[in-house]
Amino acid sequence: MRANTAESAAFKRKSAFAWVWELAPRERRAFGACVGGWALDAMDVQMYSFVIPALIVSWGITRADAGVLGTAALLASALGGWLAGWVADRFGRVRTLQVAILWFAIFTFLSGVAQNYEQLFAARALLGLGFGGEWAAGAVLLGESIRAEHRGKALGMMQGGWAVGWGMATLLYAIFFTFLPVATAWRALFMFGIAPAVFVFFVRRYVEEPPVYLESRAQLAVHGERPTFFEIFKPPLLRITLLGGLLGTGAQGGYYAVMTWLPTYLRSERGLSVLDSTGYLAVLICGSFCGYLS
């Protein structure tokens, strides 16, 4: 018994994830909520890239029309991030995270029941608000909940959740499009996107507001001074705001320009089957996961 305990302790010390065991229960719950929420967000968002060929065939839309649907969600995600940051400051990080997860889950489901292009456009655009809001609320919650020496590793793991969600979307795509007719498969895939709503019960029951946020709220109640949004565009925050915005725009723009259309390219231009394209994407997903963790 003692030998097993010693071996377990040695494994924890040597493992790259040993730091997780050093977190307090409150920190681990927040960590799980943020990583899980981002993974489920990625799953719902990445579903769209897999259904583009089906939409083109089933609805007769052009690739330009399909691009507009993807762009609508991405542009709305920028607005969703801003709004979620504002809401999180006033009503709490945990509550905002719950709303964001419910939001993107509901509108992913509604994407599956859309009857025409206009309805799907509205559903995708509204989904984008929750997509951007989830990252904003989750990243702030994680940053404020995890102690400084593990914060960078925790954020890397949270970003790694995107690859996990992407992998789940890929697996679901392979299942639905293998066993269902194309006209039904894309709707079923979107409808499955309601599943993350169940995760909200975990967040609501087990995750607490970070102490630093509660302390700031208490100070605000005493002093009555509320920082404004536009302070991030003033020194000394202006430089960080501009550099961070440019970096995010370049990195995310390049990523989504390629990954949104990659499944369509593999199916339409390279002629790969559902399973073959899934295997190709699995290599990319594994590589991205390793990159996020590093």
C-alpha atoms as a PDB file:
ATOM      1  CA  MET A   1       0.000   0.000   0.000  1.00  0.00           C
ATOM      2  CA  ARG A   2       2.804   2.364   0.937  1.00  0.00           C
ATOM      3  CA  ALA A   3       4.659   1.469  -2.261  1.00  0.00           C
ATOM      4  CA  ASN A   4       1.630   2.320  -4.374  1.00  0.00           C
ATOM      5  CA  THR A   5       1.236   5.632  -2.569  1.00  0.00           C
ATOM      6  CA  ALA A   6       4.900   6.455  -3.110  1.00  0.00           C
ATOM      7  CA  GLU A   7       4.679   5.554  -6.798  1.00  0.00           C
ATOM      8  CA  SER A   8       1.600   7.750  -7.194  1.00  0.00           C
ATOM      9  CA  ALA A   9       3.357  10.667  -5.522  1.00  0.00           C
ATOM     10  CA  ALA A  10       6.427  10.203  -7.731  1.00  0.00           C
ATOM     11  CA  PHE A  11       4.237  10.142 -10.854  1.00  0.00           C
ATOM     12  CA  LYS A  12       2.569  13.392  -9.842  1.00  0.00           C
ATOM     13  CA  ARG A  13       5.960  15.061  -9.355  1.00  0.00           C
ATOM     14  CA  LYS A  14       7.321  13.894 -12.710  1.00  0.00           C
ATOM     15  CA  SER A  15       4.197  14.351 -14.802  1.00  0.00           C
ATOM     16  CA  ALA A  16       3.816  17.446 -16.954  1.00  0.00           C
ATOM     17  CA  PHE A  17       0.402  17.850 -15.363  1.00  0.00           C
ATOM     18  CA  ALA A  18       1.608  17.494 -11.776  1.00  0.00           C
ATOM     19  CA  TRP A  19       0.764  21.125 -11.094  1.00  0.00           C
ATOM     20  CA  VAL A  20      -2.946  20.306 -11.393  1.00  0.00           C
ATOM     21  CA  TRP A  21      -2.705  18.271  -8.184  1.00  0.00           C
ATOM     22  CA  GLU A  22      -1.299  21.311  -6.395  1.00  0.00           C
ATOM     23  CA  LEU A  23      -4.421  23.354  -7.065  1.00  0.00           C
ATOM     24  CA  ALA A  24      -6.971  23.888  -4.326  1.00  0.00           C
ATOM     25  CA  PRO A  25     -10.424  22.330  -4.892  1.00  0.00           C
ATOM     26  CA  ARG A  26     -11.877  25.737  -5.749  1.00  0.00           C
ATOM     27  CA  GLU A  27      -9.148  26.270  -8.353  1.00  0.00           C
ATOM     28  CA  ARG A  28      -9.639  22.823  -9.885  1.00  0.00           C
ATOM     29  CA  ARG A  29     -13.376  23.334 -10.242  1.00  0.00           C
ATOM     30  CA  ALA A  30     -12.857  26.663 -11.984  1.00  0.00           C
ATOM     31  CA  PHE A  31     -10.180  25.070 -14.168  1.00  0.00           C
ATOM     32  CA  GLY A  32     -12.516  22.242 -15.159  1.00  0.00           C
ATOM     33  CA  ALA A  33     -15.352  24.639 -15.925  1.00  0.00           C
ATOM     34  CA  CYS A  34     -13.215  26.872 -18.138  1.00  0.00           C
ATOM     35  CA  VAL A  35     -11.480  24.068 -20.040  1.00  0.00           C
ATOM     36  CA  GLY A  36     -14.713  22.128 -20.446  1.00  0.00           C
ATOM     37  CA  GLY A  37     -16.679  25.185 -21.516  1.00  0.00           C
ATOM     38  CA  TRP A  38     -14.125  26.136 -24.145  1.00  0.00           C
ATOM     39  CA  ALA A  39     -13.956  22.568 -25.476  1.00  0.00           C
ATOM     40  CA  LEU A  40     -17.733  22.440 -25.846  1.00  0.00           C
ATOM     41  CA  ASP A  41     -17.699  25.879 -27.441  1.00  0.00           C
ATOM     42  CA  ALA A  42     -15.142  24.632 -29.971  1.00  0.00           C
ATOM     43  CA  MET A  43     -17.231  21.554 -30.679  1.00  0.00           C
ATOM     44  CA  ASP A  44     -20.293  23.619 -31.550  1.00  0.00           C
ATOM     45  CA  VAL A  45     -18.404  26.242 -33.546  1.00  0.00           C
ATOM     46  CA  GLN A  46     -16.345  23.757 -35.567  1.00  0.00           C
ATOM     47  CA  MET A  47     -19.452  21.847 -36.641  1.00  0.00           C
ATOM     48  CA  TYR A  48     -20.180  24.445 -39.291  1.00  0.00           C
ATOM     49  CA  SER A  49     -17.040  23.717 -41.296  1.00  0.00           C
ATOM     50  CA  PHE A  50     -18.201  20.112 -41.731  1.00  0.00           C
ATOM     51  CA  VAL A  51     -21.694  20.936 -42.993  1.00  0.00           C
ATOM     52  CA  ILE A  52     -20.710  23.423 -45.710  1.00  0.00           C
ATOM     53  CA  PRO A  53     -20.606  20.789 -48.501  1.00  0.00           C
ATOM     54  CA  ALA A  54     -23.997  19.463 -47.364  1.00  0.00           C
ATOM     55  CA  LEU A  55     -25.520  22.949 -47.381  1.00  0.00           C
ATOM     56  CA  ILE A  56     -24.191  23.633 -50.861  1.00  0.00           C
ATOM     57  CA  VAL A  57     -25.783  20.417 -52.136  1.00  0.00           C
ATOM     58  CA  SER A  58     -29.018  20.465 -50.110  1.00  0.00           C
ATOM     59  CA  TRP A  59     -29.881  24.151 -50.378  1.00  0.00           C
ATOM     60  CA  GLY A  60     -28.066  25.050 -53.565  1.00  0.00           C
ATOM     61  CA  ILE A  61     -26.219  27.956 -51.967  1.00  0.00           C
ATOM     62  CA  THR A  62     -22.926  29.221 -53.332  1.00  0.00           C
ATOM     63  CA  ARG A  63     -19.589  29.098 -51.560  1.00  0.00           C
ATOM     64  CA  ALA A  64     -19.836  32.852 -51.157  1.00  0.00           C
ATOM     65  CA  ASP A  65     -23.136  32.374 -49.312  1.00  0.00           C
ATOM     66  CA  ALA A  66     -21.518  29.749 -47.098  1.00  0.00           C
ATOM     67  CA  GLY A  67     -18.645  32.134 -46.413  1.00  0.00           C
ATOM     68  CA  VAL A  68     -21.083  34.820 -45.292  1.00  0.00           C
ATOM     69  CA  LEU A  69     -22.567  32.423 -42.740  1.00  0.00           C
ATOM     70  CA  GLY A  70     -19.142  31.701 -41.302  1.00  0.00           C
ATOM     71  CA  THR A  71     -18.152  35.356 -41.303  1.00  0.00           C
ATOM     72  CA  ALA A  72     -21.347  36.360 -39.507  1.00  0.00           C
ATOM     73  CA  ALA A  73     -20.540  34.078 -36.581  1.00  0.00           C
ATOM     74  CA  LEU A  74     -16.946  35.289 -36.349  1.00  0.00           C
ATOM     75  CA  LEU A  75     -17.811  38.987 -36.481  1.00  0.00           C
ATOM     76  CA  ALA A  76     -20.532  38.472 -33.897  1.00  0.00           C
ATOM     77  CA  SER A  77     -18.016  36.695 -31.659  1.00  0.00           C
ATOM     78  CA  ALA A  78     -15.991  39.909 -31.432  1.00  0.00           C
ATOM     79  CA  LEU A  79     -19.069  41.760 -30.225  1.00  0.00           C
ATOM     80  CA  GLY A  80     -19.899  38.877 -27.910  1.00  0.00           C
ATOM     81  CA  GLY A  81     -16.484  39.086 -26.299  1.00  0.00           C
ATOM     82  CA  TRP A  82     -16.874  42.801 -25.605  1.00  0.00           C
ATOM     83  CA  LEU A  83     -20.378  42.364 -24.223  1.00  0.00           C
ATOM     84  CA  ALA A  84     -19.408  39.397 -22.060  1.00  0.00           C
ATOM     85  CA  GLY A  85     -16.510  41.328 -20.566  1.00  0.00           C
ATOM     86  CA  TRP A  86     -18.859  44.150 -19.618  1.00  0.00           C
ATOM     87  CA  VAL A  87     -21.465  41.755 -18.215  1.00  0.00           C
ATOM     88  CA  ALA A  88     -18.847  39.737 -16.312  1.00  0.00           C
ATOM     89  CA  ASP A  89     -17.589  42.860 -14.555  1.00  0.00           C
ATOM     90  CA  ARG A  90     -21.082  43.748 -13.381  1.00  0.00           C
ATOM     91  CA  PHE A  91     -22.839  40.452 -12.775  1.00  0.00           C
ATOM     92  CA  GLY A  92     -20.023  37.993 -12.191  1.00  0.00           C
ATOM     93  CA  ARG A  93     -17.721  35.740 -14.173  1.00  0.00           C
ATOM     94  CA  VAL A  94     -19.512  32.486 -13.311  1.00  0.00           C
ATOM     95  CA  ARG A  95     -22.975  33.745 -14.189  1.00  0.00           C
ATOM     96  CA  THR A  96     -21.732  35.154 -17.493  1.00  0.00           C
ATOM     97  CA  LEU A  97     -20.028  31.858 -18.335  1.00  0.00           C
ATOM     98  CA  GLN A  98     -23.274  29.981 -17.729  1.00  0.00           C
ATOM     99  CA  VAL A  99     -25.264  32.310 -19.968  1.00  0.00           C
ATOM    100  CA  ALA A 100     -22.644  32.137 -22.740  1.00  0.00           C
ATOM    101  CA  ILE A 101     -22.627  28.318 -22.765  1.00  0.00           C
ATOM    102  CA  LEU A 102     -26.418  28.149 -22.823  1.00  0.00           C
ATOM    103  CA  TRP A 103     -26.502  30.780 -25.547  1.00  0.00           C
ATOM    104  CA  PHE A 104     -24.217  29.066 -28.043  1.00  0.00           C
ATOM    105  CA  ALA A 105     -25.763  25.649 -27.303  1.00  0.00           C
ATOM    106  CA  ILE A 106     -29.285  26.885 -28.024  1.00  0.00           C
ATOM    107  CA  PHE A 107     -28.375  28.659 -31.239  1.00  0.00           C
ATOM    108  CA  THR A 108     -26.342  25.700 -32.478  1.00  0.00           C
ATOM    109  CA  PHE A 109     -29.468  23.597 -32.034  1.00  0.00           C
ATOM    110  CA  LEU A 110     -31.584  26.214 -33.806  1.00  0.00           C
ATOM    111  CA  SER A 111     -29.126  26.105 -36.710  1.00  0.00           C
ATOM    112  CA  GLY A 112     -30.224  22.507 -37.186  1.00  0.00           C
ATOM    113  CA  VAL A 113     -33.910  23.385 -37.473  1.00  0.00           C
ATOM    114  CA  ALA A 114     -33.462  26.390 -39.787  1.00  0.00           C
ATOM    115  CA  GLN A 115     -35.761  26.206 -42.805  1.00  0.00           C
ATOM    116  CA  ASN A 116     -34.019  28.680 -45.070  1.00  0.00           C
ATOM    117  CA  TYR A 117     -30.818  30.646 -45.535  1.00  0.00           C
ATOM    118  CA  GLU A 118     -32.058  33.708 -43.646  1.00  0.00           C
ATOM    119  CA  GLN A 119     -32.957  31.686 -40.563  1.00  0.00           C
ATOM    120  CA  LEU A 120     -29.605  29.929 -40.601  1.00  0.00           C
ATOM    121  CA  PHE A 121     -27.817  33.268 -40.967  1.00  0.00           C
ATOM    122  CA  ALA A 122     -29.630  34.624 -37.899  1.00  0.00           C
ATOM    123  CA  ALA A 123     -28.864  31.493 -35.872  1.00  0.00           C
ATOM    124  CA  ARG A 124     -25.166  31.530 -36.790  1.00  0.00           C
ATOM    125  CA  ALA A 125     -24.797  35.242 -36.069  1.00  0.00           C
ATOM    126  CA  LEU A 126     -26.473  34.904 -32.671  1.00  0.00           C
ATOM    127  CA  LEU A 127     -24.380  31.823 -31.914  1.00  0.00           C
ATOM    128  CA  GLY A 128     -21.306  33.988 -32.466  1.00  0.00           C
ATOM    129  CA  LEU A 129     -22.255  36.191 -29.521  1.00  0.00           C
ATOM    130  CA  GLY A 130     -22.086  33.204 -27.183  1.00  0.00           C
ATOM    131  CA  PHE A 131     -18.940  31.871 -28.860  1.00  0.00           C
ATOM    132  CA  GLY A 132     -17.013  35.067 -28.167  1.00  0.00           C
ATOM    133  CA  GLY A 133     -18.629  35.569 -24.791  1.00  0.00           C
ATOM    134  CA  GLU A 134     -17.644  32.134 -23.515  1.00  0.00           C
ATOM    135  CA  TRP A 135     -13.947  32.734 -24.105  1.00  0.00           C
ATOM    136  CA  ALA A 136     -14.055  36.206 -22.559  1.00  0.00           C
ATOM    137  CA  ALA A 137     -15.815  35.037 -19.403  1.00  0.00           C
ATOM    138  CA  GLY A 138     -13.869  31.787 -19.113  1.00  0.00           C
ATOM    139  CA  ALA A 139     -10.434  33.320 -19.621  1.00  0.00           C
ATOM    140  CA  VAL A 140     -11.073  35.996 -17.000  1.00  0.00           C
ATOM    141  CA  LEU A 141     -12.488  33.460 -14.554  1.00  0.00           C
ATOM    142  CA  LEU A 142      -9.493  31.178 -15.008  1.00  0.00           C
ATOM    143  CA  GLY A 143      -6.976  34.012 -14.785  1.00  0.00           C
ATOM    144  CA  GLU A 144      -8.467  35.249 -11.528  1.00  0.00           C
ATOM    145  CA  SER A 145      -8.996  31.806  -9.981  1.00  0.00           C
ATOM    146  CA  ILE A 146      -5.612  30.136 -10.569  1.00  0.00           C
ATOM    147  CA  ARG A 147      -2.568  31.127  -8.541  1.00  0.00           C
ATOM    148  CA  ALA A 148       0.135  33.057 -10.372  1.00  0.00           C
ATOM    149  CA  GLU A 149       2.724  30.261 -10.652  1.00  0.00           C
ATOM    150  CA  HIS A 150       0.286  28.004 -12.531  1.00  0.00           C
ATOM    151  CA  ARG A 151      -1.763  30.588 -14.412  1.00  0.00           C
ATOM    152  CA  GLY A 152       0.128  30.349 -17.707  1.00  0.00           C
ATOM    153  CA  LYS A 153      -0.037  26.553 -17.749  1.00  0.00           C
ATOM    154  CA  ALA A 154      -3.737  26.647 -16.932  1.00  0.00           C
ATOM    155  CA  LEU A 155      -4.474  29.058 -19.768  1.00  0.00           C
ATOM    156  CA  GLY A 156      -2.497  26.850 -22.152  1.00  0.00           C
ATOM    157  CA  MET A 157      -4.576  23.871 -21.050  1.00  0.00           C
ATOM    158  CA  MET A 158      -7.739  25.895 -21.532  1.00  0.00           C
ATOM    159  CA  GLN A 159      -6.708  26.728 -25.089  1.00  0.00           C
ATOM    160  CA  GLY A 160      -5.937  23.046 -25.557  1.00  0.00           C
ATOM    161  CA  GLY A 161      -9.609  22.471 -24.877  1.00  0.00           C
ATOM    162  CA  TRP A 162     -10.251  23.933 -28.329  1.00  0.00           C
ATOM    163  CA  ALA A 163      -8.435  21.000 -29.928  1.00  0.00           C
ATOM    164  CA  VAL A 164     -10.444  18.593 -27.778  1.00  0.00           C
ATOM    165  CA  GLY A 165     -13.701  20.196 -28.899  1.00  0.00           C
ATOM    166  CA  TRP A 166     -12.523  20.203 -32.498  1.00  0.00           C
ATOM    167  CA  GLY A 167     -11.791  16.512 -32.164  1.00  0.00           C
ATOM    168  CA  MET A 168     -15.269  15.857 -30.764  1.00  0.00           C
ATOM    169  CA  ALA A 169     -16.845  17.731 -33.679  1.00  0.00           C
ATOM    170  CA  THR A 170     -14.760  15.681 -36.117  1.00  0.00           C
ATOM    171  CA  LEU A 171     -15.818  12.422 -34.493  1.00  0.00           C
ATOM    172  CA  LEU A 172     -19.488  13.412 -34.508  1.00  0.00           C
ATOM    173  CA  TYR A 173     -19.179  14.420 -38.148  1.00  0.00           C
ATOM    174  CA  ALA A 174     -17.797  10.995 -39.017  1.00  0.00           C
ATOM    175  CA  ILE A 175     -20.611   9.244 -37.144  1.00  0.00           C
ATOM    176  CA  PHE A 176     -23.543  11.291 -38.429  1.00  0.00           C
ATOM    177  CA  PHE A 177     -22.399  11.546 -42.031  1.00  0.00           C
ATOM    178  CA  THR A 178     -21.542   7.848 -42.205  1.00  0.00           C
ATOM    179  CA  PHE A 179     -24.853   6.512 -40.900  1.00  0.00           C
ATOM    180  CA  LEU A 180     -27.359   9.194 -41.951  1.00  0.00           C
ATOM    181  CA  PRO A 181     -28.355  10.702 -45.301  1.00  0.00           C
ATOM    182  CA  VAL A 182     -26.551  13.978 -45.986  1.00  0.00           C
ATOM    183  CA  ALA A 183     -29.774  16.011 -45.858  1.00  0.00           C
ATOM    184  CA  THR A 184     -30.438  14.670 -42.348  1.00  0.00           C
ATOM    185  CA  ALA A 185     -26.866  14.403 -41.067  1.00  0.00           C
ATOM    186  CA  TRP A 186     -26.058  18.109 -41.057  1.00  0.00           C
ATOM    187  CA  ARG A 187     -29.241  18.896 -39.125  1.00  0.00           C
ATOM    188  CA  ALA A 188     -28.596  16.109 -36.618  1.00  0.00           C
ATOM    189  CA  LEU A 189     -25.048  17.352 -36.101  1.00  0.00           C
ATOM    190  CA  PHE A 190     -26.233  20.857 -35.287  1.00  0.00           C
ATOM    191  CA  MET A 191     -29.028  19.554 -33.063  1.00  0.00           C
ATOM    192  CA  PHE A 192     -26.485  17.606 -31.031  1.00  0.00           C
ATOM    193  CA  GLY A 193     -24.941  20.985 -30.289  1.00  0.00           C
ATOM    194  CA  ILE A 194     -27.505  21.474 -27.514  1.00  0.00           C
ATOM    195  CA  ALA A 195     -25.541  18.956 -25.390  1.00  0.00           C
ATOM    196  CA  PRO A 196     -23.225  21.581 -23.792  1.00  0.00           C
ATOM    197  CA  ALA A 197     -26.269  23.045 -22.025  1.00  0.00           C
ATOM    198  CA  VAL A 198     -26.025  20.159 -19.551  1.00  0.00           C
ATOM    199  CA  PHE A 199     -22.565  21.386 -18.526  1.00  0.00           C
ATOM    200  CA  VAL A 200     -24.141  24.539 -17.102  1.00  0.00           C
ATOM    201  CA  PHE A 201     -25.475  22.522 -14.161  1.00  0.00           C
ATOM    202  CA  PHE A 202     -21.892  21.673 -13.150  1.00  0.00           C
ATOM    203  CA  VAL A 203     -20.806  25.303 -13.431  1.00  0.00           C
ATOM    204  CA  ARG A 204     -23.797  26.549 -11.478  1.00  0.00           C
ATOM    205  CA  ARG A 205     -23.385  24.067  -8.638  1.00  0.00           C
ATOM    206  CA  TYR A 206     -19.637  23.774  -8.164  1.00  0.00           C
ATOM    207  CA  VAL A 207     -17.865  26.889  -9.467  1.00  0.00           C
ATOM    208  CA  GLU A 208     -17.425  29.970  -7.291  1.00  0.00           C
ATOM    209  CA  GLU A 209     -16.606  33.548  -8.121  1.00  0.00           C
ATOM    210  CA  PRO A 210     -12.852  34.206  -7.714  1.00  0.00           C
ATOM    211  CA  PRO A 211     -11.899  36.023  -4.491  1.00  0.00           C
ATOM    212  CA  VAL A 212     -10.159  38.820  -6.412  1.00  0.00           C
ATOM    213  CA  TYR A 213     -13.423  39.621  -8.192  1.00  0.00           C
ATOM    214  CA  LEU A 214     -15.415  39.623  -4.956  1.00  0.00           C
ATOM    215  CA  GLU A 215     -12.817  41.895  -3.378  1.00  0.00           C
ATOM    216  CA  SER A 216     -12.993  44.336  -6.283  1.00  0.00           C
ATOM    217  CA  ARG A 217     -16.782  44.407  -5.998  1.00  0.00           C
ATOM    218  CA  ALA A 218     -16.520  45.148  -2.300  1.00  0.00           C
ATOM    219  CA  GLN A 219     -14.111  48.022  -2.941  1.00  0.00           C
ATOM    220  CA  LEU A 220     -16.398  49.352  -5.636  1.00  0.00           C
ATOM    221  CA  ALA A 221     -19.302  49.338  -3.206  1.00  0.00           C
ATOM    222  CA  VAL A 222     -17.237  51.372  -0.732  1.00  0.00           C
ATOM    223  CA  HIS A 223     -15.585  53.857  -3.076  1.00  0.00           C
ATOM    224  CA  GLY A 224     -18.223  53.982  -5.788  1.00  0.00           C
ATOM    225  CA  GLU A 225     -15.676  54.295  -8.615  1.00  0.00           C
ATOM    226  CA  ARG A 226     -16.349  52.209 -11.705  1.00  0.00           C
ATOM    227  CA  PRO A 227     -13.716  51.946 -14.463  1.00  0.00           C
ATOM    228  CA  THR A 228     -14.985  52.562 -17.983  1.00  0.00           C
ATOM    229  CA  PHE A 229     -14.470  50.449 -21.084  1.00  0.00           C
ATOM    230  CA  PHE A 230     -12.539  53.192 -22.865  1.00  0.00           C
ATOM    231  CA  GLU A 231      -9.743  53.131 -20.279  1.00  0.00           C
ATOM    232  CA  ILE A 232      -8.141  50.275 -22.237  1.00  0.00           C
ATOM    233  CA  PHE A 233      -7.533  52.805 -25.033  1.00  0.00           C
ATOM    234  CA  LYS A 234      -5.583  55.138 -22.750  1.00  0.00           C
ATOM    235  CA  PRO A 235      -1.985  54.914 -21.483  1.00  0.00           C
ATOM    236  CA  PRO A 236      -0.577  52.694 -20.063  1.00  0.00           C
ATOM    237  CA  LEU A 237      -3.058  50.118 -21.447  1.00  0.00           C
ATOM    238  CA  LEU A 238      -3.229  51.498 -24.998  1.00  0.00           C
ATOM    239  CA  ARG A 239      -0.087  49.729 -26.228  1.00  0.00           C
ATOM    240  CA  ILE A 240      -1.173  46.361 -24.814  1.00  0.00           C
ATOM    241  CA  THR A 241      -4.665  46.779 -26.266  1.00  0.00           C
ATOM    242  CA  LEU A 242      -3.382  47.554 -29.758  1.00  0.00           C
ATOM    243  CA  LEU A 243      -0.723  44.837 -29.831  1.00  0.00           C
ATOM    244  CA  GLY A 244      -3.090  42.235 -28.421  1.00  0.00           C
ATOM    245  CA  GLY A 245      -5.803  43.212 -30.887  1.00  0.00           C
ATOM    246  CA  LEU A 246      -3.460  43.032 -33.869  1.00  0.00           C
ATOM    247  CA  LEU A 247      -2.034  39.690 -32.761  1.00  0.00           C
ATOM    248  CA  GLY A 248      -5.469  38.202 -32.219  1.00  0.00           C
ATOM    249  CA  THR A 249      -6.796  39.510 -35.536  1.00  0.00           C
ATOM    250  CA  GLY A 250      -3.874  38.102 -37.502  1.00  0.00           C
ATOM    251  CA  ALA A 251      -3.735  34.726 -35.778  1.00  0.00           C
ATOM    252  CA  GLN A 252      -7.469  34.117 -35.668  1.00  0.00           C
ATOM    253  CA  GLY A 253      -8.066  35.470 -39.158  1.00  0.00           C
ATOM    254  CA  GLY A 254      -5.519  33.111 -40.665  1.00  0.00           C
ATOM    255  CA  TYR A 255      -6.750  30.153 -38.655  1.00  0.00           C
ATOM    256  CA  TYR A 256     -10.425  30.476 -39.535  1.00  0.00           C
ATOM    257  CA  ALA A 257      -9.733  31.308 -43.173  1.00  0.00           C
ATOM    258  CA  VAL A 258      -8.071  27.903 -43.526  1.00  0.00           C
ATOM    259  CA  MET A 259      -9.924  25.682 -41.073  1.00  0.00           C
ATOM    260  CA  THR A 260     -13.426  26.782 -42.020  1.00  0.00           C
ATOM    261  CA  TRP A 261     -12.861  25.616 -45.583  1.00  0.00           C
ATOM    262  CA  LEU A 262     -10.499  22.679 -45.061  1.00  0.00           C
ATOM    263  CA  PRO A 263     -13.204  19.968 -44.779  1.00  0.00           C
ATOM    264  CA  THR A 264     -14.864  21.323 -47.938  1.00  0.00           C
ATOM    265  CA  TYR A 265     -11.537  21.283 -49.760  1.00  0.00           C
ATOM    266  CA  LEU A 266     -10.805  17.718 -48.686  1.00  0.00           C
ATOM    267  CA  ARG A 267     -14.232  16.489 -49.814  1.00  0.00           C
ATOM    268  CA  SER A 268     -14.783  18.559 -52.961  1.00  0.00           C
ATOM    269  CA  GLU A 269     -11.301  19.127 -54.362  1.00  0.00           C
ATOM    270  CA  ARG A 270      -9.338  16.139 -53.098  1.00  0.00           C
ATOM    271  CA  GLY A 271     -12.230  13.689 -53.267  1.00  0.00           C
ATOM    272  CA  LEU A 272     -11.630  12.210 -49.816  1.00  0.00           C
ATOM    273  CA  SER A 273     -14.351  10.194 -48.125  1.00  0.00           C
ATOM    274  CA  VAL A 274     -15.797  11.125 -44.741  1.00  0.00           C
ATOM    275  CA  LEU A 275     -13.480   8.726 -42.913  1.00  0.00           C
ATOM    276  CA  ASP A 276     -10.394   9.703 -44.922  1.00  0.00           C
ATOM    277  CA  SER A 277     -10.920  13.420 -44.311  1.00  0.00           C
ATOM    278  CA  THR A 278     -11.500  12.672 -40.631  1.00  0.00           C
ATOM    279  CA  GLY A 279      -8.138  10.930 -40.420  1.00  0.00           C
ATOM    280  CA  TYR A 280      -6.415  13.863 -42.107  1.00  0.00           C
ATOM    281  CA  LEU A 281      -7.974  16.295 -39.650  1.00  0.00           C
ATOM    282  CA  ALA A 282      -7.021  14.094 -36.699  1.00  0.00           C
ATOM    283  CA  VAL A 283      -3.350  14.747 -37.444  1.00  0.00           C
ATOM    284  CA  LEU A 284      -3.935  18.510 -37.427  1.00  0.00           C
ATOM    285  CA  ILE A 285      -5.941  18.321 -34.224  1.00  0.00           C
ATOM    286  CA  CYS A 286      -3.237  16.356 -32.401  1.00  0.00           C
ATOM    287  CA  GLY A 287      -0.615  18.837 -33.572  1.00  0.00           C
ATOM    288  CA  SER A 288      -2.665  21.817 -32.466  1.00  0.00           C
ATOM    289  CA  PHE A 289      -3.266  20.250 -29.053  1.00  0.00           C
ATOM    290  CA  CYS A 290       0.474  19.794 -28.527  1.00  0.00           C
ATOM    291  CA  GLY A 291       1.065  23.363 -29.661  1.00  0.00           C
ATOM    292  CA  TYR A 292      -1.481  24.764 -27.224  1.00  0.00           C
ATOM    293  CA  LEU A 293       0.067  22.894 -24.315  1.00  0.00           C
ATOM    294  CA  SER A 294       3.592  23.972 -25.182  1.00  0.00           C
END
